């Protein structure tokens, strides 16, 4: 029987453009899938004590809240537990198994334009639930380790005091010795119980680790296909943006060309008007010049005729005078 996490054969385009309804608009504050948050923060006081300070891991100033992944990673690096330290954890997520970029995974889940098939949703829900169980198991494991370490440290202090009382009986009263002995028996009983609880939490943590590794392996095919779909959406968006940019450039060029043609037309019309004005002025000037030339010629002709007439009359007088 096939597992409910076995991915169906959806292609990237099947996920995006199959007959699945569009997703409803999400609220602005709904940006991640519960359980798949990139960073889960916890109260700093939950993991510090007199015997397990965190100043070395987080510097001189201890913040009120710290990322759980950092706490787990630091604990894993400093762990002396051979069983838990044998499991390799990712330094970014502090999780076993395949490395998952939860920030990118949430972006892909939120930004896919259509609702994912139910098999994908189920796979990511199981991944989220298993991840939360692992983180909770590790958180309880560290808290129990802190309590166990504190109790054993307190028992060591009381035992050292018992030895000091035994070596220096004159420095302590019988009541002080009795109180220390009672406290030591109580703390030893508490340490034995805490050690049993710690082992149980450790076994629970190891079960959570192996379960998370298994579920991650089943969820990875869905993540790979969702990534392919997401990259296809990004590619199409980029192509659409490029088409819109080219169309905008084309329209802008057309507007500029129309403006240029309009300016050119206006320039030609103005040039024609100037040419017409020049033609009219030239015609008028030529007409005036022709009229002036005609007047000049007529005047010259009259003057010549008058000169010729005067010359003729002068010649007759000379001839008459010679005849006397």
Protein backbone atom coordinates (compact mmCIF):
# COMPACT_ATOMS: atom_id res chain seq x y z
CA UNK A 1 0.00 0.00 0.00
CA UNK A 2 1.42 3.34 -0.99
CA UNK A 3 2.16 5.90 1.70
CA UNK A 4 0.04 9.00 1.94
CA UNK A 5 3.28 10.92 1.47
CA UNK A 6 4.07 9.27 -1.86
CA UNK A 7 3.93 12.17 -4.37
CA UNK A 8 1.57 12.00 -7.29
CA UNK A 9 2.95 12.72 -10.74
CA UNK A 10 2.25 16.41 -10.97
CA UNK A 11 4.39 18.53 -13.21
CA UNK A 12 5.24 22.11 -12.35
CA UNK A 13 2.54 23.40 -14.67
CA UNK A 14 0.04 20.90 -13.22
CA UNK A 15 0.54 22.44 -9.83
CA UNK A 16 0.21 25.96 -11.12
CA UNK A 17 -2.41 25.79 -13.84
CA UNK A 18 -4.35 22.55 -13.34
CA UNK A 19 -8.02 22.63 -12.51
CA UNK A 20 -7.37 23.75 -8.97
CA UNK A 21 -9.08 26.85 -7.59
CA UNK A 22 -7.18 30.02 -7.00
CA UNK A 23 -5.99 30.57 -3.48
CA UNK A 24 -7.90 32.97 -1.31
CA UNK A 25 -6.14 36.21 -0.52
CA UNK A 26 -4.10 35.83 2.65
CA UNK A 27 -3.86 38.40 5.36
CA UNK A 28 -0.67 40.42 5.43
CA UNK A 29 0.39 38.93 8.77
CA UNK A 30 -0.15 35.34 7.52
CA UNK A 31 3.23 34.91 5.89
CA UNK A 32 4.33 31.42 6.98
CA UNK A 33 2.88 27.95 7.28
CA UNK A 34 2.53 27.01 10.98
CA UNK A 35 5.31 24.66 12.00
CA UNK A 36 7.55 25.66 9.09
CA UNK A 37 8.66 29.03 10.47
CA UNK A 38 12.25 29.89 9.52
CA UNK A 39 13.05 30.91 13.12
CA UNK A 40 11.36 29.74 16.30
CA UNK A 41 12.35 31.76 19.35
CA UNK A 42 12.14 30.72 22.99
CA UNK A 43 12.65 32.40 26.33
CA UNK A 44 16.31 32.59 27.28
CA UNK A 45 15.57 31.81 30.92
CA UNK A 46 14.41 28.33 29.91
CA UNK A 47 17.97 27.23 29.13
CA UNK A 48 20.20 28.98 31.62
CA UNK A 49 21.01 28.16 35.20
CA UNK A 50 23.71 28.55 37.75
CA UNK A 51 25.55 25.56 36.34
CA UNK A 52 24.72 25.93 32.62
CA UNK A 53 25.25 29.59 31.69
CA UNK A 54 24.83 30.73 28.08
CA UNK A 55 27.09 33.75 28.20
CA UNK A 56 29.78 31.93 26.23
CA UNK A 57 27.37 31.03 23.44
CA UNK A 58 25.62 34.38 23.12
CA UNK A 59 28.18 36.91 24.35
CA UNK A 60 28.18 39.11 27.42
CA UNK A 61 24.58 40.31 26.98
CA UNK A 62 21.99 37.54 27.16
CA UNK A 63 18.92 38.41 25.04
CA UNK A 64 15.40 37.85 26.36
CA UNK A 65 14.68 35.44 23.52
CA UNK A 66 16.99 33.36 21.39
CA UNK A 67 16.41 31.23 18.26
CA UNK A 68 15.73 27.65 19.26
CA UNK A 69 17.92 26.41 16.41
CA UNK A 70 20.94 28.24 17.87
CA UNK A 71 20.31 26.80 21.33
CA UNK A 72 20.00 23.28 19.92
CA UNK A 73 23.08 23.66 17.72
CA UNK A 74 25.22 24.95 20.61
CA UNK A 75 23.97 22.15 22.84
CA UNK A 76 24.68 19.58 20.15
CA UNK A 77 28.21 20.91 19.59
CA UNK A 78 28.98 20.84 23.31
CA UNK A 79 27.18 17.56 24.00
CA UNK A 80 29.02 14.72 25.68
CA UNK A 81 26.16 12.30 25.03
CA UNK A 82 27.58 9.80 22.57
CA UNK A 83 24.14 8.72 21.29
CA UNK A 84 22.70 12.17 20.49
CA UNK A 85 26.00 13.63 19.24
CA UNK A 86 26.34 10.76 16.75
CA UNK A 87 23.47 12.28 14.72
CA UNK A 88 24.60 14.97 12.28
CA UNK A 89 22.59 18.20 12.47
CA UNK A 90 22.41 21.06 9.98
CA UNK A 91 24.18 24.12 11.38
CA UNK A 92 21.49 26.52 10.15
CA UNK A 93 18.32 24.70 11.20
CA UNK A 94 19.79 22.39 13.88
CA UNK A 95 17.78 19.56 12.34
CA UNK A 96 18.77 16.09 11.16
CA UNK A 97 18.18 14.79 7.66
CA UNK A 98 18.11 16.73 4.39
CA UNK A 99 18.66 20.47 4.73
CA UNK A 100 15.52 22.53 4.07
CA UNK A 101 15.46 26.28 3.54
CA UNK A 102 12.24 27.04 5.41
CA UNK A 103 12.28 30.69 4.42
CA UNK A 104 12.27 29.72 0.73
CA UNK A 105 9.77 26.92 1.34
CA UNK A 106 7.29 29.35 2.89
CA UNK A 107 7.77 31.79 0.03
CA UNK A 108 7.05 29.02 -2.46
CA UNK A 109 3.95 27.84 -0.56
CA UNK A 110 2.55 31.35 -0.16
CA UNK A 111 3.34 32.60 -3.68
CA UNK A 112 2.11 29.68 -5.78
CA UNK A 113 -0.85 31.30 -7.60
CA UNK A 114 -3.19 28.33 -7.26
CA UNK A 115 -4.01 26.12 -4.33
CA UNK A 116 -1.67 23.15 -4.12
CA UNK A 117 -3.02 19.61 -4.53
CA UNK A 118 -4.12 18.00 -1.28
CA UNK A 119 -1.21 15.55 -1.37
CA UNK A 120 1.25 18.45 -1.27
CA UNK A 121 -0.63 20.15 1.55
CA UNK A 122 -0.74 16.90 3.52
CA UNK A 123 2.99 16.30 3.02
CA UNK A 124 3.89 19.77 4.31
CA UNK A 125 1.47 19.47 7.23
CA UNK A 126 3.05 16.19 8.30
CA UNK A 127 6.51 17.74 7.89
CA UNK A 128 5.47 20.71 10.03
CA UNK A 129 3.98 18.47 12.73
CA UNK A 130 7.02 16.18 12.84
CA UNK A 131 9.37 19.17 12.94
CA UNK A 132 7.47 20.71 15.86
CA UNK A 133 7.57 17.39 17.71
CA UNK A 134 11.33 17.15 17.16
CA UNK A 135 11.94 20.70 18.38
CA UNK A 136 9.68 20.15 21.38
CA UNK A 137 11.44 16.87 22.19
CA UNK A 138 14.85 18.54 21.99
CA UNK A 139 13.61 21.47 24.10
CA UNK A 140 12.32 19.10 26.82
CA UNK A 141 15.54 17.08 26.55
CA UNK A 142 17.66 20.17 27.20
CA UNK A 143 15.45 21.32 30.07
CA UNK A 144 15.68 17.87 31.66
CA UNK A 145 19.43 17.84 31.11
CA UNK A 146 19.63 21.20 32.83
CA UNK A 147 17.59 19.96 35.79
CA UNK A 148 19.62 16.74 36.01
CA UNK A 149 22.91 18.62 35.77
CA UNK A 150 21.81 21.08 38.44
CA UNK A 151 20.74 18.27 40.76
CA UNK A 152 23.99 16.35 40.27
CA UNK A 153 25.97 19.56 40.86
CA UNK A 154 24.03 20.22 44.05
CA UNK A 155 24.65 16.61 45.15
CA UNK A 156 28.36 17.04 44.46
CA UNK A 157 28.41 20.17 46.64
CA UNK A 158 26.60 18.38 49.48
CA UNK A 159 28.86 15.33 49.19
CA UNK A 160 31.96 17.52 49.32
CA UNK A 161 30.50 19.21 52.41
CA UNK A 162 29.91 15.78 53.99
CA UNK A 163 33.57 14.90 53.43
CA UNK A 164 34.65 18.23 54.92
CA UNK A 165 32.44 17.62 57.99
CA UNK A 166 33.91 14.12 58.37
CA UNK A 167 37.46 15.47 58.22
CA UNK A 168 36.73 18.47 60.47
CA UNK A 169 34.08 17.34 62.99
CA UNK A 170 34.93 20.11 65.42
CA UNK A 171 33.93 22.83 62.94
CA UNK A 172 30.31 21.68 62.60
CA UNK A 173 27.53 20.86 65.05
CA UNK A 174 25.69 17.53 64.98
CA UNK A 175 22.53 19.26 63.64
CA UNK A 176 24.41 20.69 60.67
CA UNK A 177 25.87 17.27 59.89
CA UNK A 178 22.42 15.67 60.17
CA UNK A 179 20.80 18.29 57.94
CA UNK A 180 23.52 17.86 55.32
CA UNK A 181 23.13 14.07 55.42
CA UNK A 182 19.35 14.34 54.98
CA UNK A 183 19.73 16.78 52.11
CA UNK A 184 22.31 14.51 50.51
CA UNK A 185 20.03 11.44 50.70
CA UNK A 186 17.16 13.50 49.23
CA UNK A 187 19.24 14.85 46.38
CA UNK A 188 20.61 11.37 45.56
CA UNK A 189 17.03 10.04 45.36
CA UNK A 190 16.10 12.99 43.15
CA UNK A 191 19.14 12.44 40.93
CA UNK A 192 18.23 8.79 40.42
CA UNK A 193 14.70 9.74 39.31
CA UNK A 194 15.97 12.57 37.13
CA UNK A 195 18.47 10.24 35.48
CA UNK A 196 15.67 7.80 34.61
CA UNK A 197 13.55 10.67 33.24
CA UNK A 198 16.51 12.01 31.31
CA UNK A 199 17.08 8.63 29.66
CA UNK A 200 13.40 8.44 28.72
CA UNK A 201 13.52 11.96 27.19
CA UNK A 202 16.71 11.03 25.38
CA UNK A 203 15.04 7.97 23.85
CA UNK A 204 12.04 10.11 22.90
CA UNK A 205 14.39 12.62 21.27
CA UNK A 206 16.10 9.91 19.25
CA UNK A 207 12.71 8.63 18.06
CA UNK A 208 11.79 12.18 17.02
CA UNK A 209 15.11 12.56 15.21
CA UNK A 210 14.69 9.39 13.17
CA UNK A 211 11.04 10.22 12.45
CA UNK A 212 11.97 13.69 11.19
CA UNK A 213 14.66 12.19 8.95
CA UNK A 214 12.10 9.77 7.51
CA UNK A 215 9.41 12.43 6.95
CA UNK A 216 11.90 14.82 5.39
CA UNK A 217 12.91 12.13 2.93
CA UNK A 218 9.25 11.65 1.95
CA UNK A 219 8.60 15.39 1.69
CA UNK A 220 11.66 16.24 -0.42
CA UNK A 221 10.06 15.19 -3.77
CA UNK A 222 7.20 17.60 -3.11
CA UNK A 223 9.63 20.37 -2.25
CA UNK A 224 11.62 19.70 -5.43
CA UNK A 225 8.48 19.83 -7.60
CA UNK A 226 7.16 22.87 -5.79
CA UNK A 227 10.52 24.56 -6.36
CA UNK A 228 10.28 23.75 -10.07
CA UNK A 229 6.78 25.26 -10.11
CA UNK A 230 7.97 28.31 -8.20
CA UNK A 231 10.90 28.84 -10.55
CA UNK A 232 8.51 28.49 -13.51
CA UNK A 233 6.27 31.16 -11.98
CA UNK A 234 9.27 33.41 -11.47
CA UNK A 235 10.41 32.82 -15.06
CA UNK A 236 6.96 33.64 -16.41
CA UNK A 237 6.75 36.71 -14.20
CA UNK A 238 10.13 37.86 -15.47
CA UNK A 239 9.04 37.26 -19.06
CA UNK A 240 5.79 39.13 -18.41
CA UNK A 241 7.71 42.02 -16.87
CA UNK A 242 10.07 42.02 -19.85
CA UNK A 243 7.14 42.02 -22.28
CA UNK A 244 5.53 44.87 -20.36
CA UNK A 245 8.83 46.75 -20.40
CA UNK A 246 9.27 46.24 -24.14
CA UNK A 247 5.65 47.26 -24.75
CA UNK A 248 6.19 50.36 -22.64
CA UNK A 249 9.34 51.15 -24.62
CA UNK A 250 7.46 50.59 -27.89
CA UNK A 251 4.62 52.88 -26.85
CA UNK A 252 7.09 55.47 -25.66
CA UNK A 253 8.93 55.27 -28.97
CA UNK A 254 5.65 55.61 -30.84
CA UNK A 255 4.74 58.67 -28.78
CA UNK A 256 8.16 60.16 -29.39
CA UNK A 257 7.89 59.38 -33.12
CA UNK A 258 4.47 61.01 -33.28
CA UNK A 259 5.80 64.06 -31.50
CA UNK A 260 8.76 64.16 -33.89
CA UNK A 261 6.49 63.88 -36.92
CA UNK A 262 4.22 66.57 -35.51
CA UNK A 263 7.22 68.84 -34.98
CA UNK A 264 8.46 68.06 -38.48
CA UNK A 265 5.04 68.80 -39.95
CA UNK A 266 4.85 72.08 -38.05
CA UNK A 267 8.35 72.96 -39.23
CA UNK A 268 7.41 72.24 -42.86
CA UNK A 269 4.19 74.22 -42.57
CA UNK A 270 6.06 77.15 -41.08
CA UNK A 271 8.67 76.86 -43.80
CA UNK A 272 5.93 76.86 -46.43
CA UNK A 273 4.33 79.90 -44.88
CA UNK A 274 7.66 81.66 -44.85
CA UNK A 275 8.25 80.59 -48.45
CA UNK A 276 4.82 81.89 -49.48
CA UNK A 277 5.50 85.16 -47.74
CA UNK A 278 8.84 85.37 -49.48
CA UNK A 279 7.25 84.55 -52.87
CA UNK A 280 4.66 87.31 -52.43
CA UNK A 281 7.31 89.81 -51.42
CA UNK A 282 9.53 88.73 -54.30
CA UNK A 283 6.69 89.12 -56.78
CA UNK A 284 5.84 92.53 -55.42
CA UNK A 285 9.48 93.58 -55.55
CA UNK A 286 9.89 92.29 -59.08
CA UNK A 287 6.69 94.04 -60.10
CA UNK A 288 7.99 97.30 -58.66
CA UNK A 289 11.34 96.77 -60.32
CA UNK A 290 9.62 96.03 -63.67
CA UNK A 291 7.42 99.11 -63.30
CA UNK A 292 10.42 101.22 -62.40
CA UNK A 293 12.34 99.81 -65.33
CA UNK A 294 9.46 100.48 -67.69
CA UNK A 295 9.20 104.02 -66.36
CA UNK A 296 12.91 104.45 -66.79
CA UNK A 297 12.79 103.18 -70.35
CA UNK A 298 9.84 105.45 -71.18
CA UNK A 299 11.58 108.42 -69.67
CA UNK A 300 14.78 107.59 -71.51
CA UNK A 301 12.85 107.32 -74.73
CA UNK A 302 11.16 110.64 -74.24
CA UNK A 303 14.41 112.24 -73.34
CA UNK A 304 16.05 110.80 -76.42
CA UNK A 305 13.21 111.95 -78.60
CA UNK A 306 13.36 115.39 -77.10
CA UNK A 307 17.09 115.48 -77.59
CA UNK A 308 16.68 114.43 -81.15
CA UNK A 309 13.98 117.07 -81.70
CA UNK A 310 16.14 119.77 -80.18
CA UNK A 311 19.03 118.68 -82.31
CA UNK A 312 16.94 118.88 -85.43
CA UNK A 313 15.77 122.39 -84.65
CA UNK A 314 19.31 123.53 -83.98
CA UNK A 315 20.56 122.20 -87.31
CA UNK A 316 17.86 124.08 -89.23
CA UNK A 317 18.85 127.36 -87.61
CA UNK A 318 22.42 126.82 -88.59
CA UNK A 319 21.47 126.11 -92.21
CA UNK A 320 19.26 129.22 -92.43
CA UNK A 321 22.01 131.36 -91.12
CA UNK A 322 24.49 130.15 -93.67
CA UNK A 323 22.04 130.93 -96.51
CA UNK A 324 21.98 134.69 -95.77
